[in-house]
Amino acid sequence: MTIASDSGQGSPTLVLMHFFGSSHHEWEAALPLLDDRCRVVTLDMPGFGRATEIAGFDVASMTRHVERCVEAAELDDVILVGHSFSGRIAMTVAANQPT
């Protein structure tokens, strides 16, 4: 699991995902503005940041990675926030969820 940071409390939980080629550090300036309002979790996507050892640069692999991170951290009432390519990942994760 590659949850890079977990701050704030309450609901909803924002799950912030970086752009392809970056890491969770891209969100550092935004965290103080958000974590007094809700729980904020940042992820490192496969191949980047703390997830450099995780393979899988395709949409399906990254989608499974995010789903596993959310499940392992037992997150609920989640809002996925994706920057650039991870925005597509957020959409595929959401599409996989039952209504």
PDB file of N, CA and C in Angstrom:
ATOM      1  N   MET A   1       0.855  -1.171   0.000  1.00  0.00           N
ATOM      2  CA  MET A   1       0.000   0.000   0.000  1.00  0.00           C
ATOM      3  C   MET A   1       0.901   1.234   0.000  1.00  0.00           C
ATOM      4  N   THR A   2       0.509   2.250  -0.713  1.00  0.00           N
ATOM      5  CA  THR A   2       1.361   3.427  -0.838  1.00  0.00           C
ATOM      6  C   THR A   2       0.625   4.710  -0.464  1.00  0.00           C
ATOM      7  N   ILE A   3      -0.021   4.665   0.693  1.00  0.00           N
ATOM      8  CA  ILE A   3      -0.572   5.914   1.210  1.00  0.00           C
ATOM      9  C   ILE A   3       0.619   6.705   1.735  1.00  0.00           C
ATOM     10  N   ALA A   4       0.835   7.858   1.146  1.00  0.00           N
ATOM     11  CA  ALA A   4       2.005   8.660   1.477  1.00  0.00           C
ATOM     12  C   ALA A   4       1.756   9.572   2.672  1.00  0.00           C
ATOM     13  N   SER A   5       0.546  10.094   2.783  1.00  0.00           N
ATOM     14  CA  SER A   5       0.215  10.934   3.936  1.00  0.00           C
ATOM     15  C   SER A   5      -1.258  10.772   4.260  1.00  0.00           C
ATOM     16  N   ASP A   6      -1.579  11.005   5.518  1.00  0.00           N
ATOM     17  CA  ASP A   6      -2.948  10.882   6.004  1.00  0.00           C
ATOM     18  C   ASP A   6      -3.111  11.949   7.079  1.00  0.00           C
ATOM     19  N   SER A   7      -3.917  12.965   6.804  1.00  0.00           N
ATOM     20  CA  SER A   7      -4.064  14.067   7.751  1.00  0.00           C
ATOM     21  C   SER A   7      -5.521  14.488   7.837  1.00  0.00           C
ATOM     22  N   GLY A   8      -5.795  15.327   8.788  1.00  0.00           N
ATOM     23  CA  GLY A   8      -7.163  15.799   8.987  1.00  0.00           C
ATOM     24  C   GLY A   8      -8.042  14.702   9.549  1.00  0.00           C
ATOM     25  N   GLN A   9      -9.315  15.025   9.645  1.00  0.00           N
ATOM     26  CA  GLN A   9     -10.276  14.043  10.152  1.00  0.00           C
ATOM     27  C   GLN A   9     -11.658  14.398   9.661  1.00  0.00           C
ATOM     28  N   GLY A  10     -12.559  13.489   9.866  1.00  0.00           N
ATOM     29  CA  GLY A  10     -13.937  13.719   9.474  1.00  0.00           C
ATOM     30  C   GLY A  10     -14.235  13.161   8.104  1.00  0.00           C
ATOM     31  N   SER A  11     -15.309  13.646   7.571  1.00  0.00           N
ATOM     32  CA  SER A  11     -15.817  13.121   6.325  1.00  0.00           C
ATOM     33  C   SER A  11     -16.196  14.284   5.425  1.00  0.00           C
ATOM     34  N   PRO A  12     -15.963  14.175   4.154  1.00  0.00           N
ATOM     35  CA  PRO A  12     -15.478  13.017   3.404  1.00  0.00           C
ATOM     36  C   PRO A  12     -13.960  12.893   3.517  1.00  0.00           C
ATOM     37  N   THR A  13     -13.435  11.820   2.943  1.00  0.00           N
ATOM     38  CA  THR A  13     -11.997  11.638   2.812  1.00  0.00           C
ATOM     39  C   THR A  13     -11.618  11.977   1.379  1.00  0.00           C
ATOM     40  N   LEU A  14     -10.761  12.962   1.216  1.00  0.00           N
ATOM     41  CA  LEU A  14     -10.221  13.281  -0.105  1.00  0.00           C
ATOM     42  C   LEU A  14      -9.017  12.386  -0.342  1.00  0.00           C
ATOM     43  N   VAL A  15      -8.994  11.700  -1.469  1.00  0.00           N
ATOM     44  CA  VAL A  15      -7.851  10.888  -1.865  1.00  0.00           C
ATOM     45  C   VAL A  15      -7.209  11.602  -3.047  1.00  0.00           C
ATOM     46  N   LEU A  16      -6.024  12.169  -2.812  1.00  0.00           N
ATOM     47  CA  LEU A  16      -5.343  12.986  -3.806  1.00  0.00           C
ATOM     48  C   LEU A  16      -4.302  12.151  -4.550  1.00  0.00           C
ATOM     49  N   MET A  17      -4.384  12.178  -5.877  1.00  0.00           N
ATOM     50  CA  MET A  17      -3.483  11.400  -6.726  1.00  0.00           C
ATOM     51  C   MET A  17      -2.738  12.345  -7.660  1.00  0.00           C
ATOM     52  N   HIS A  18      -1.442  12.156  -7.775  1.00  0.00           N
ATOM     53  CA  HIS A  18      -0.563  13.052  -8.526  1.00  0.00           C
ATOM     54  C   HIS A  18      -0.595  12.771 -10.029  1.00  0.00           C
ATOM     55  N   PHE A  19      -0.006  13.701 -10.788  1.00  0.00           N
ATOM     56  CA  PHE A  19       0.102  13.515 -12.230  1.00  0.00           C
ATOM     57  C   PHE A  19       1.203  12.516 -12.554  1.00  0.00           C
ATOM     58  N   PHE A  20       1.132  11.932 -13.737  1.00  0.00           N
ATOM     59  CA  PHE A  20       2.093  10.928 -14.186  1.00  0.00           C
ATOM     60  C   PHE A  20       3.488  11.551 -14.226  1.00  0.00           C
ATOM     61  N   GLY A  21       4.401  10.983 -13.467  1.00  0.00           N
ATOM     62  CA  GLY A  21       5.758  11.496 -13.416  1.00  0.00           C
ATOM     63  C   GLY A  21       6.054  12.274 -12.145  1.00  0.00           C
ATOM     64  N   SER A  22       5.102  12.427 -11.264  1.00  0.00           N
ATOM     65  CA  SER A  22       5.278  13.203 -10.041  1.00  0.00           C
ATOM     66  C   SER A  22       5.231  12.270  -8.834  1.00  0.00           C
ATOM     67  N   SER A  23       4.802  12.785  -7.701  1.00  0.00           N
ATOM     68  CA  SER A  23       4.617  12.000  -6.484  1.00  0.00           C
ATOM     69  C   SER A  23       3.642  12.749  -5.575  1.00  0.00           C
ATOM     70  N   HIS A  24       3.418  12.184  -4.411  1.00  0.00           N
ATOM     71  CA  HIS A  24       2.511  12.803  -3.439  1.00  0.00           C
ATOM     72  C   HIS A  24       2.960  14.205  -3.035  1.00  0.00           C
ATOM     73  N   HIS A  25       4.242  14.506  -3.223  1.00  0.00           N
ATOM     74  CA  HIS A  25       4.759  15.833  -2.838  1.00  0.00           C
ATOM     75  C   HIS A  25       4.059  16.977  -3.569  1.00  0.00           C
ATOM     76  N   GLU A  26       3.470  16.694  -4.717  1.00  0.00           N
ATOM     77  CA  GLU A  26       2.789  17.751  -5.470  1.00  0.00           C
ATOM     78  C   GLU A  26       1.660  18.385  -4.659  1.00  0.00           C
ATOM     79  N   TRP A  27       1.128  17.678  -3.679  1.00  0.00           N
ATOM     80  CA  TRP A  27      -0.017  18.157  -2.908  1.00  0.00           C
ATOM     81  C   TRP A  27       0.362  18.861  -1.609  1.00  0.00           C
ATOM     82  N   GLU A  28       1.636  18.943  -1.271  1.00  0.00           N
ATOM     83  CA  GLU A  28       2.043  19.467   0.038  1.00  0.00           C
ATOM     84  C   GLU A  28       1.517  20.864   0.344  1.00  0.00           C
ATOM     85  N   ALA A  29       1.496  21.748  -0.622  1.00  0.00           N
ATOM     86  CA  ALA A  29       1.010  23.109  -0.367  1.00  0.00           C
ATOM     87  C   ALA A  29      -0.496  23.149  -0.127  1.00  0.00           C
ATOM     88  N   ALA A  30      -1.220  22.189  -0.686  1.00  0.00           N
ATOM     89  CA  ALA A  30      -2.678  22.173  -0.544  1.00  0.00           C
ATOM     90  C   ALA A  30      -3.145  21.550   0.767  1.00  0.00           C
ATOM     91  N   LEU A  31      -2.347  20.678   1.347  1.00  0.00           N
ATOM     92  CA  LEU A  31      -2.786  19.954   2.546  1.00  0.00           C
ATOM     93  C   LEU A  31      -3.218  20.859   3.691  1.00  0.00           C
ATOM     94  N   PRO A  32      -2.470  21.892   4.050  1.00  0.00           N
ATOM     95  CA  PRO A  32      -2.913  22.745   5.160  1.00  0.00           C
ATOM     96  C   PRO A  32      -4.241  23.455   4.884  1.00  0.00           C
ATOM     97  N   LEU A  33      -4.581  23.618   3.636  1.00  0.00           N
ATOM     98  CA  LEU A  33      -5.837  24.269   3.278  1.00  0.00           C
ATOM     99  C   LEU A  33      -7.020  23.324   3.337  1.00  0.00           C
ATOM    100  N   LEU A  34      -6.742  22.033   3.349  1.00  0.00           N
ATOM    101  CA  LEU A  34      -7.806  21.035   3.280  1.00  0.00           C
ATOM    102  C   LEU A  34      -8.003  20.258   4.573  1.00  0.00           C
ATOM    103  N   ASP A  35      -6.929  19.951   5.279  1.00  0.00           N
ATOM    104  CA  ASP A  35      -7.054  18.991   6.370  1.00  0.00           C
ATOM    105  C   ASP A  35      -7.754  19.527   7.616  1.00  0.00           C
ATOM    106  N   ASP A  36      -8.078  20.811   7.647  1.00  0.00           N
ATOM    107  CA  ASP A  36      -8.894  21.289   8.761  1.00  0.00           C
ATOM    108  C   ASP A  36     -10.378  21.137   8.447  1.00  0.00           C
ATOM    109  N   ARG A  37     -10.700  20.690   7.240  1.00  0.00           N
ATOM    110  CA  ARG A  37     -12.093  20.535   6.805  1.00  0.00           C
ATOM    111  C   ARG A  37     -12.522  19.083   6.675  1.00  0.00           C
ATOM    112  N   CYS A  38     -11.541  18.191   6.397  1.00  0.00           N
ATOM    113  CA  CYS A  38     -11.863  16.780   6.175  1.00  0.00           C
ATOM    114  C   CYS A  38     -10.582  15.969   6.281  1.00  0.00           C
ATOM    115  N   ARG A  39     -10.724  14.674   6.181  1.00  0.00           N
ATOM    116  CA  ARG A  39      -9.556  13.793   6.125  1.00  0.00           C
ATOM    117  C   ARG A  39      -8.981  13.872   4.718  1.00  0.00           C
ATOM    118  N   VAL A  40      -7.653  13.917   4.620  1.00  0.00           N
ATOM    119  CA  VAL A  40      -6.981  14.025   3.327  1.00  0.00           C
ATOM    120  C   VAL A  40      -5.870  12.977   3.263  1.00  0.00           C
ATOM    121  N   VAL A  41      -5.947  12.142   2.242  1.00  0.00           N
ATOM    122  CA  VAL A  41      -4.972  11.082   2.024  1.00  0.00           C
ATOM    123  C   VAL A  41      -4.305  11.345   0.679  1.00  0.00           C
ATOM    124  N   THR A  42      -2.973  11.223   0.627  1.00  0.00           N
ATOM    125  CA  THR A  42      -2.285  11.300  -0.656  1.00  0.00           C
ATOM    126  C   THR A  42      -1.732   9.924  -0.996  1.00  0.00           C
ATOM    127  N   LEU A  43      -1.753   9.606  -2.272  1.00  0.00           N
ATOM    128  CA  LEU A  43      -1.230   8.330  -2.757  1.00  0.00           C
ATOM    129  C   LEU A  43      -0.043   8.575  -3.672  1.00  0.00           C
ATOM    130  N   ASP A  44       0.854   7.606  -3.707  1.00  0.00           N
ATOM    131  CA  ASP A  44       1.858   7.547  -4.760  1.00  0.00           C
ATOM    132  C   ASP A  44       1.404   6.480  -5.734  1.00  0.00           C
ATOM    133  N   MET A  45       1.385   6.834  -6.995  1.00  0.00           N
ATOM    134  CA  MET A  45       0.961   5.910  -8.033  1.00  0.00           C
ATOM    135  C   MET A  45       2.104   4.965  -8.381  1.00  0.00           C
ATOM    136  N   PRO A  46       1.795   3.779  -8.924  1.00  0.00           N
ATOM    137  CA  PRO A  46       2.835   2.798  -9.247  1.00  0.00           C
ATOM    138  C   PRO A  46       3.972   3.412 -10.068  1.00  0.00           C
ATOM    139  N   GLY A  47       5.191   3.125  -9.608  1.00  0.00           N
ATOM    140  CA  GLY A  47       6.376   3.594 -10.299  1.00  0.00           C
ATOM    141  C   GLY A  47       6.894   4.942  -9.832  1.00  0.00           C
ATOM    142  N   PHE A  48       6.210   5.578  -8.881  1.00  0.00           N
ATOM    143  CA  PHE A  48       6.585   6.932  -8.476  1.00  0.00           C
ATOM    144  C   PHE A  48       6.603   7.061  -6.954  1.00  0.00           C
ATOM    145  N   GLY A  49       7.387   8.006  -6.461  1.00  0.00           N
ATOM    146  CA  GLY A  49       7.444   8.271  -5.018  1.00  0.00           C
ATOM    147  C   GLY A  49       7.772   7.017  -4.233  1.00  0.00           C
ATOM    148  N   ARG A  50       6.970   6.741  -3.237  1.00  0.00           N
ATOM    149  CA  ARG A  50       7.185   5.563  -2.388  1.00  0.00           C
ATOM    150  C   ARG A  50       6.707   4.273  -3.052  1.00  0.00           C
ATOM    151  N   ALA A  51       6.146   4.382  -4.237  1.00  0.00           N
ATOM    152  CA  ALA A  51       5.638   3.207  -4.961  1.00  0.00           C
ATOM    153  C   ALA A  51       6.519   2.846  -6.156  1.00  0.00           C
ATOM    154  N   THR A  52       7.790   3.214  -6.102  1.00  0.00           N
ATOM    155  CA  THR A  52       8.669   2.955  -7.249  1.00  0.00           C
ATOM    156  C   THR A  52       8.797   1.474  -7.560  1.00  0.00           C
ATOM    157  N   GLU A  53       8.654   0.617  -6.561  1.00  0.00           N
ATOM    158  CA  GLU A  53       8.787  -0.822  -6.777  1.00  0.00           C
ATOM    159  C   GLU A  53       7.530  -1.472  -7.334  1.00  0.00           C
ATOM    160  N   ILE A  54       6.440  -0.742  -7.391  1.00  0.00           N
ATOM    161  CA  ILE A  54       5.179  -1.301  -7.897  1.00  0.00           C
ATOM    162  C   ILE A  54       5.109  -1.073  -9.400  1.00  0.00           C
ATOM    163  N   ALA A  55       4.952  -2.149 -10.139  1.00  0.00           N
ATOM    164  CA  ALA A  55       4.869  -2.067 -11.599  1.00  0.00           C
ATOM    165  C   ALA A  55       3.431  -1.793 -12.025  1.00  0.00           C
ATOM    166  N   GLY A  56       3.281  -1.309 -13.244  1.00  0.00           N
ATOM    167  CA  GLY A  56       1.945  -1.149 -13.796  1.00  0.00           C
ATOM    168  C   GLY A  56       1.611   0.277 -14.155  1.00  0.00           C
ATOM    169  N   PHE A  57       2.006   0.679 -15.352  1.00  0.00           N
ATOM    170  CA  PHE A  57       1.722   2.039 -15.818  1.00  0.00           C
ATOM    171  C   PHE A  57       0.453   2.119 -16.651  1.00  0.00           C
ATOM    172  N   ASP A  58      -0.283   1.030 -16.750  1.00  0.00           N
ATOM    173  CA  ASP A  58      -1.511   1.048 -17.549  1.00  0.00           C
ATOM    174  C   ASP A  58      -2.707   1.385 -16.657  1.00  0.00           C
ATOM    175  N   VAL A  59      -3.795   1.754 -17.296  1.00  0.00           N
ATOM    176  CA  VAL A  59      -4.994   2.192 -16.562  1.00  0.00           C
ATOM    177  C   VAL A  59      -5.505   1.100 -15.629  1.00  0.00           C
ATOM    178  N   ALA A  60      -5.582  -0.121 -16.096  1.00  0.00           N
ATOM    179  CA  ALA A  60      -6.113  -1.211 -15.266  1.00  0.00           C
ATOM    180  C   ALA A  60      -5.264  -1.429 -14.019  1.00  0.00           C
ATOM    181  N   SER A  61      -3.943  -1.434 -14.160  1.00  0.00           N
ATOM    182  CA  SER A  61      -3.059  -1.648 -13.008  1.00  0.00           C
ATOM    183  C   SER A  61      -3.157  -0.505 -12.006  1.00  0.00           C
ATOM    184  N   MET A  62      -3.177   0.716 -12.498  1.00  0.00           N
ATOM    185  CA  MET A  62      -3.271   1.860 -11.591  1.00  0.00           C
ATOM    186  C   MET A  62      -4.633   1.913 -10.906  1.00  0.00           C
ATOM    187  N   THR A  63      -5.661   1.530 -11.627  1.00  0.00           N
ATOM    188  CA  THR A  63      -7.004   1.469 -11.026  1.00  0.00           C
ATOM    189  C   THR A  63      -7.020   0.464  -9.879  1.00  0.00           C
ATOM    190  N   ARG A  64      -6.479  -0.723 -10.107  1.00  0.00           N
ATOM    191  CA  ARG A  64      -6.418  -1.736  -9.044  1.00  0.00           C
ATOM    192  C   ARG A  64      -5.591  -1.235  -7.861  1.00  0.00           C
ATOM    193  N   HIS A  65      -4.513  -0.537  -8.139  1.00  0.00           N
ATOM    194  CA  HIS A  65      -3.670   0.016  -7.076  1.00  0.00           C
ATOM    195  C   HIS A  65      -4.469   0.964  -6.176  1.00  0.00           C
ATOM    196  N   VAL A  66      -5.197   1.878  -6.769  1.00  0.00           N
ATOM    197  CA  VAL A  66      -5.992   2.829  -5.991  1.00  0.00           C
ATOM    198  C   VAL A  66      -7.078   2.092  -5.213  1.00  0.00           C
ATOM    199  N   GLU A  67      -7.758   1.168  -5.858  1.00  0.00           N
ATOM    200  CA  GLU A  67      -8.806   0.403  -5.166  1.00  0.00           C
ATOM    201  C   GLU A  67      -8.235  -0.347  -3.964  1.00  0.00           C
ATOM    202  N   ARG A  68      -7.061  -0.945  -4.128  1.00  0.00           N
ATOM    203  CA  ARG A  68      -6.422  -1.674  -3.015  1.00  0.00           C
ATOM    204  C   ARG A  68      -6.030  -0.729  -1.882  1.00  0.00           C
ATOM    205  N   CYS A  69      -5.504   0.429  -2.224  1.00  0.00           N
ATOM    206  CA  CYS A  69      -5.123   1.407  -1.192  1.00  0.00           C
ATOM    207  C   CYS A  69      -6.336   1.869  -0.390  1.00  0.00           C
ATOM    208  N   VAL A  70      -7.418   2.182  -1.081  1.00  0.00           N
ATOM    209  CA  VAL A  70      -8.639   2.638  -0.414  1.00  0.00           C
ATOM    210  C   VAL A  70      -9.188   1.531   0.485  1.00  0.00           C
ATOM    211  N   GLU A  71      -9.196   0.307  -0.035  1.00  0.00           N
ATOM    212  CA  GLU A  71      -9.706  -0.824   0.744  1.00  0.00           C
ATOM    213  C   GLU A  71      -8.810  -1.121   1.947  1.00  0.00           C
ATOM    214  N   ALA A  72      -7.510  -1.163   1.742  1.00  0.00           N
ATOM    215  CA  ALA A  72      -6.584  -1.488   2.833  1.00  0.00           C
ATOM    216  C   ALA A  72      -6.638  -0.449   3.950  1.00  0.00           C
ATOM    217  N   ALA A  73      -6.852   0.798   3.598  1.00  0.00           N
ATOM    218  CA  ALA A  73      -6.940   1.864   4.602  1.00  0.00           C
ATOM    219  C   ALA A  73      -8.345   1.976   5.194  1.00  0.00           C
ATOM    220  N   GLU A  74      -9.248   1.136   4.705  1.00  0.00           N
ATOM    221  CA  GLU A  74     -10.643   1.124   5.172  1.00  0.00           C
ATOM    222  C   GLU A  74     -11.278   2.502   5.083  1.00  0.00           C
ATOM    223  N   LEU A  75     -11.054   3.152   3.948  1.00  0.00           N
ATOM    224  CA  LEU A  75     -11.625   4.476   3.722  1.00  0.00           C
ATOM    225  C   LEU A  75     -13.059   4.347   3.236  1.00  0.00           C
ATOM    226  N   ASP A  76     -13.902   5.249   3.708  1.00  0.00           N
ATOM    227  CA  ASP A  76     -15.257   5.321   3.175  1.00  0.00           C
ATOM    228  C   ASP A  76     -15.602   6.791   2.960  1.00  0.00           C
ATOM    229  N   ASP A  77     -16.697   7.040   2.307  1.00  0.00           N
ATOM    230  CA  ASP A  77     -17.097   8.397   1.932  1.00  0.00           C
ATOM    231  C   ASP A  77     -15.921   9.114   1.273  1.00  0.00           C
ATOM    232  N   VAL A  78     -15.421   8.506   0.202  1.00  0.00           N
ATOM    233  CA  VAL A  78     -14.215   8.949  -0.483  1.00  0.00           C
ATOM    234  C   VAL A  78     -14.549   9.827  -1.681  1.00  0.00           C
ATOM    235  N   ILE A  79     -13.777  10.890  -1.826  1.00  0.00           N
ATOM    236  CA  ILE A  79     -13.789  11.707  -3.041  1.00  0.00           C
ATOM    237  C   ILE A  79     -12.400  11.592  -3.643  1.00  0.00           C
ATOM    238  N   LEU A  80     -12.331  11.028  -4.848  1.00  0.00           N
ATOM    239  CA  LEU A  80     -11.054  10.881  -5.538  1.00  0.00           C
ATOM    240  C   LEU A  80     -10.729  12.167  -6.280  1.00  0.00           C
ATOM    241  N   VAL A  81      -9.495  12.644  -6.129  1.00  0.00           N
ATOM    242  CA  VAL A  81      -9.037  13.850  -6.807  1.00  0.00           C
ATOM    243  C   VAL A  81      -7.798  13.467  -7.614  1.00  0.00           C
ATOM    244  N   GLY A  82      -7.943  13.476  -8.921  1.00  0.00           N
ATOM    245  CA  GLY A  82      -6.833  13.109  -9.777  1.00  0.00           C
ATOM    246  C   GLY A  82      -6.341  14.292 -10.581  1.00  0.00           C
ATOM    247  N   HIS A  83      -5.026  14.395 -10.692  1.00  0.00           N
ATOM    248  CA  HIS A  83      -4.407  15.451 -11.496  1.00  0.00           C
ATOM    249  C   HIS A  83      -3.897  14.817 -12.783  1.00  0.00           C
ATOM    250  N   SER A  84      -4.385  15.299 -13.908  1.00  0.00           N
ATOM    251  CA  SER A  84      -3.980  14.839 -15.223  1.00  0.00           C
ATOM    252  C   SER A  84      -4.305  13.351 -15.387  1.00  0.00           C
ATOM    253  N   PHE A  85      -3.304  12.512 -15.649  1.00  0.00           N
ATOM    254  CA  PHE A  85      -3.569  11.100 -15.932  1.00  0.00           C
ATOM    255  C   PHE A  85      -4.306  10.416 -14.785  1.00  0.00           C
ATOM    256  N   SER A  86      -4.016  10.792 -13.553  1.00  0.00           N
ATOM    257  CA  SER A  86      -4.703  10.137 -12.442  1.00  0.00           C
ATOM    258  C   SER A  86      -6.174  10.547 -12.368  1.00  0.00           C
ATOM    259  N   GLY A  87      -6.559  11.613 -13.078  1.00  0.00           N
ATOM    260  CA  GLY A  87      -7.982  11.931 -13.210  1.00  0.00           C
ATOM    261  C   GLY A  87      -8.715  10.817 -13.943  1.00  0.00           C
ATOM    262  N   ARG A  88      -8.059  10.269 -14.945  1.00  0.00           N
ATOM    263  CA  ARG A  88      -8.640   9.116 -15.661  1.00  0.00           C
ATOM    264  C   ARG A  88      -8.752   7.920 -14.725  1.00  0.00           C
ATOM    265  N   ILE A  89      -7.756   7.731 -13.890  1.00  0.00           N
ATOM    266  CA  ILE A  89      -7.796   6.631 -12.930  1.00  0.00           C
ATOM    267  C   ILE A  89      -8.959   6.832 -11.957  1.00  0.00           C
ATOM    268  N   ALA A  90      -9.162   8.054 -11.497  1.00  0.00           N
ATOM    269  CA  ALA A  90     -10.296   8.341 -10.608  1.00  0.00           C
ATOM    270  C   ALA A  90     -11.622   7.966 -11.277  1.00  0.00           C
ATOM    271  N   MET A  91     -11.736   8.275 -12.561  1.00  0.00           N
ATOM    272  CA  MET A  91     -12.975   7.921 -13.265  1.00  0.00           C
ATOM    273  C   MET A  91     -13.164   6.424 -13.383  1.00  0.00           C
ATOM    274  N   THR A  92     -12.102   5.670 -13.632  1.00  0.00           N
ATOM    275  CA  THR A  92     -12.259   4.215 -13.755  1.00  0.00           C
ATOM    276  C   THR A  92     -12.535   3.571 -12.403  1.00  0.00           C
ATOM    277  N   VAL A  93     -11.928   4.084 -11.342  1.00  0.00           N
ATOM    278  CA  VAL A  93     -12.241   3.581  -9.994  1.00  0.00           C
ATOM    279  C   VAL A  93     -13.714   3.830  -9.704  1.00  0.00           C
ATOM    280  N   ALA A  94     -14.187   5.027  -9.955  1.00  0.00           N
ATOM    281  CA  ALA A  94     -15.590   5.363  -9.700  1.00  0.00           C
ATOM    282  C   ALA A  94     -16.529   4.500 -10.540  1.00  0.00           C
ATOM    283  N   ALA A  95     -16.157   4.241 -11.778  1.00  0.00           N
ATOM    284  CA  ALA A  95     -17.004   3.428 -12.657  1.00  0.00           C
ATOM    285  C   ALA A  95     -17.094   1.985 -12.176  1.00  0.00           C
ATOM    286  N   ASN A  96     -16.093   1.509 -11.452  1.00  0.00           N
ATOM    287  CA  ASN A  96     -16.087   0.135 -10.934  1.00  0.00           C
ATOM    288  C   ASN A  96     -16.932  -0.039  -9.683  1.00  0.00           C
ATOM    289  N   GLN A  97     -17.344   1.037  -9.072  1.00  0.00           N
ATOM    290  CA  GLN A  97     -18.086   0.968  -7.820  1.00  0.00           C
ATOM    291  C   GLN A  97     -19.572   0.769  -8.067  1.00  0.00           C
ATOM    292  N   PRO A  98     -20.198  -0.087  -7.292  1.00  0.00           N
ATOM    293  CA  PRO A  98     -21.640  -0.282  -7.448  1.00  0.00           C
ATOM    294  C   PRO A  98     -22.408   0.982  -7.023  1.00  0.00           C
ATOM    295  N   THR A  99     -23.535   1.191  -7.630  1.00  0.00           N
ATOM    296  CA  THR A  99     -24.336   2.379  -7.284  1.00  0.00           C
ATOM    297  C   THR A  99     -25.237   2.092  -6.112  1.00  0.00           C
TER     298      THR A  99
END
